[in-house]
Amino acid sequence: MGKRKSAAKPPPKKRMDKLDTVFCCPFCNHGSSVECRIDMKNLIGEASCRICQENFSTTVNALTEPIDIYSEWIDECERVNTVEGDDDA
């Protein structure tokens, strides 16, 4: 009698790389000075620069990561700069 064939094991899952939590400040351009913190109790995310003391806060949800907070800050800076640039023209 022959041996029963065993089911092939699925390949191991690839680990996702960790995302950054420290970023470059858009105001003072100091590398790795912006730190993002998420307060899930109050649903607030805050990004603040240790060098120039600039900060930004926004609302968060369960899927929010520090890179999302930093990206929203950069988008808000660009939006304000384009609005100010349009007013001058």
C-alpha atoms as a PDB file:
ATOM      1  CA  MET A   1       0.000   0.000   0.000  1.00  0.00           C
ATOM      2  CA  GLY A   2       1.109   3.489  -0.780  1.00  0.00           C
ATOM      3  CA  LYS A   3       1.566   6.406   1.549  1.00  0.00           C
ATOM      4  CA  ARG A   4      -1.071   9.156   1.589  1.00  0.00           C
ATOM      5  CA  LYS A   5      -0.001  12.465   0.128  1.00  0.00           C
ATOM      6  CA  SER A   6       0.099  15.273   2.652  1.00  0.00           C
ATOM      7  CA  ALA A   7      -1.197  18.714   1.763  1.00  0.00           C
ATOM      8  CA  ALA A   8       1.488  21.214   0.867  1.00  0.00           C
ATOM      9  CA  LYS A   9       2.032  23.908   3.449  1.00  0.00           C
ATOM     10  CA  PRO A  10       1.266  27.437   2.238  1.00  0.00           C
ATOM     11  CA  PRO A  11       4.306  29.714   1.875  1.00  0.00           C
ATOM     12  CA  PRO A  12       5.031  31.946   4.879  1.00  0.00           C
ATOM     13  CA  LYS A  13       3.550  35.442   4.766  1.00  0.00           C
ATOM     14  CA  LYS A  14       5.922  38.320   4.106  1.00  0.00           C
ATOM     15  CA  ARG A  15       6.346  40.739   6.979  1.00  0.00           C
ATOM     16  CA  MET A  16       5.413  44.315   6.247  1.00  0.00           C
ATOM     17  CA  ASP A  17       8.064  46.896   7.020  1.00  0.00           C
ATOM     18  CA  LYS A  18       7.363  49.260   9.891  1.00  0.00           C
ATOM     19  CA  LEU A  19       6.344  52.772   8.866  1.00  0.00           C
ATOM     20  CA  ASP A  20       8.248  55.785  10.132  1.00  0.00           C
ATOM     21  CA  THR A  21       7.022  57.762  13.127  1.00  0.00           C
ATOM     22  CA  VAL A  22       9.624  60.549  12.896  1.00  0.00           C
ATOM     23  CA  PHE A  23       9.755  62.924   9.913  1.00  0.00           C
ATOM     24  CA  CYS A  24      11.388  66.058   8.475  1.00  0.00           C
ATOM     25  CA  CYS A  25       9.832  69.392   9.531  1.00  0.00           C
ATOM     26  CA  PRO A  26       8.232  71.381   6.677  1.00  0.00           C
ATOM     27  CA  PHE A  27       9.064  74.680   8.402  1.00  0.00           C
ATOM     28  CA  CYS A  28      12.642  74.354   9.681  1.00  0.00           C
ATOM     29  CA  ASN A  29      13.673  71.433   7.384  1.00  0.00           C
ATOM     30  CA  HIS A  30      15.369  69.729  10.301  1.00  0.00           C
ATOM     31  CA  GLY A  31      15.539  65.998   9.641  1.00  0.00           C
ATOM     32  CA  SER A  32      13.772  63.599  12.005  1.00  0.00           C
ATOM     33  CA  SER A  33      12.489  66.333  14.305  1.00  0.00           C
ATOM     34  CA  VAL A  34       8.742  65.869  13.779  1.00  0.00           C
ATOM     35  CA  GLU A  35       7.183  63.263  16.030  1.00  0.00           C
ATOM     36  CA  CYS A  36       3.633  61.994  15.515  1.00  0.00           C
ATOM     37  CA  ARG A  37       1.482  60.845  18.418  1.00  0.00           C
ATOM     38  CA  ILE A  38      -1.973  59.267  18.246  1.00  0.00           C
ATOM     39  CA  ASP A  39      -4.432  59.522  21.119  1.00  0.00           C
ATOM     40  CA  MET A  40      -7.042  56.870  20.363  1.00  0.00           C
ATOM     41  CA  LYS A  41      -9.000  57.693  23.522  1.00  0.00           C
ATOM     42  CA  ASN A  42      -9.775  61.228  22.302  1.00  0.00           C
ATOM     43  CA  LEU A  43      -9.385  60.387  18.563  1.00  0.00           C
ATOM     44  CA  ILE A  44      -6.739  63.077  18.066  1.00  0.00           C
ATOM     45  CA  GLY A  45      -3.479  62.789  16.153  1.00  0.00           C
ATOM     46  CA  GLU A  46      -0.733  65.342  16.698  1.00  0.00           C
ATOM     47  CA  ALA A  47       2.484  66.044  14.802  1.00  0.00           C
ATOM     48  CA  SER A  48       4.957  68.418  16.469  1.00  0.00           C
ATOM     49  CA  CYS A  49       8.498  69.598  15.735  1.00  0.00           C
ATOM     50  CA  ARG A  50      10.979  69.467  18.609  1.00  0.00           C
ATOM     51  CA  ILE A  51      13.164  72.196  17.067  1.00  0.00           C
ATOM     52  CA  CYS A  52      10.823  75.004  15.957  1.00  0.00           C
ATOM     53  CA  GLN A  53       7.834  74.003  18.155  1.00  0.00           C
ATOM     54  CA  GLU A  54       5.381  73.971  15.205  1.00  0.00           C
ATOM     55  CA  ASN A  55       2.510  71.537  15.632  1.00  0.00           C
ATOM     56  CA  PHE A  56      -0.516  70.172  13.806  1.00  0.00           C
ATOM     57  CA  SER A  57      -3.438  68.159  15.112  1.00  0.00           C
ATOM     58  CA  THR A  58      -6.216  66.342  13.330  1.00  0.00           C
ATOM     59  CA  THR A  59      -8.927  63.786  13.973  1.00  0.00           C
ATOM     60  CA  VAL A  60      -8.024  60.118  13.593  1.00  0.00           C
ATOM     61  CA  ASN A  61      -9.758  56.773  13.242  1.00  0.00           C
ATOM     62  CA  ALA A  62      -8.766  53.195  14.005  1.00  0.00           C
ATOM     63  CA  LEU A  63      -6.784  52.829  10.766  1.00  0.00           C
ATOM     64  CA  THR A  64      -4.740  56.033  11.076  1.00  0.00           C
ATOM     65  CA  GLU A  65      -0.940  55.705  11.130  1.00  0.00           C
ATOM     66  CA  PRO A  66       1.636  58.413  11.953  1.00  0.00           C
ATOM     67  CA  ILE A  67       2.462  58.834   8.251  1.00  0.00           C
ATOM     68  CA  ASP A  68      -1.192  59.765   7.643  1.00  0.00           C
ATOM     69  CA  ILE A  69      -1.006  62.601  10.177  1.00  0.00           C
ATOM     70  CA  TYR A  70       2.243  63.906   8.685  1.00  0.00           C
ATOM     71  CA  SER A  71       0.805  63.690   5.149  1.00  0.00           C
ATOM     72  CA  GLU A  72      -2.281  65.669   6.195  1.00  0.00           C
ATOM     73  CA  TRP A  73       0.013  68.329   7.704  1.00  0.00           C
ATOM     74  CA  ILE A  74       2.004  68.602   4.459  1.00  0.00           C
ATOM     75  CA  ASP A  75      -1.217  68.778   2.409  1.00  0.00           C
ATOM     76  CA  GLU A  76      -2.588  71.516   4.684  1.00  0.00           C
ATOM     77  CA  CYS A  77       0.654  73.523   4.352  1.00  0.00           C
ATOM     78  CA  GLU A  78       0.479  73.266   0.562  1.00  0.00           C
ATOM     79  CA  ARG A  79      -3.195  74.263   0.549  1.00  0.00           C
ATOM     80  CA  VAL A  80      -2.520  77.352   2.682  1.00  0.00           C
ATOM     81  CA  ASN A  81       0.444  78.334   0.495  1.00  0.00           C
ATOM     82  CA  THR A  82      -1.588  78.070  -2.719  1.00  0.00           C
ATOM     83  CA  VAL A  83      -4.455  80.097  -1.225  1.00  0.00           C
ATOM     84  CA  GLU A  84      -2.030  82.835  -0.130  1.00  0.00           C
ATOM     85  CA  GLY A  85      -0.341  82.757  -3.553  1.00  0.00           C
ATOM     86  CA  ASP A  86      -3.700  83.168  -5.317  1.00  0.00           C
ATOM     87  CA  ASP A  87      -4.607  86.190  -3.156  1.00  0.00           C
ATOM     88  CA  ASP A  88      -1.425  88.039  -4.139  1.00  0.00           C
ATOM     89  CA  ALA A  89      -2.132  87.760  -7.885  1.00  0.00           C
END
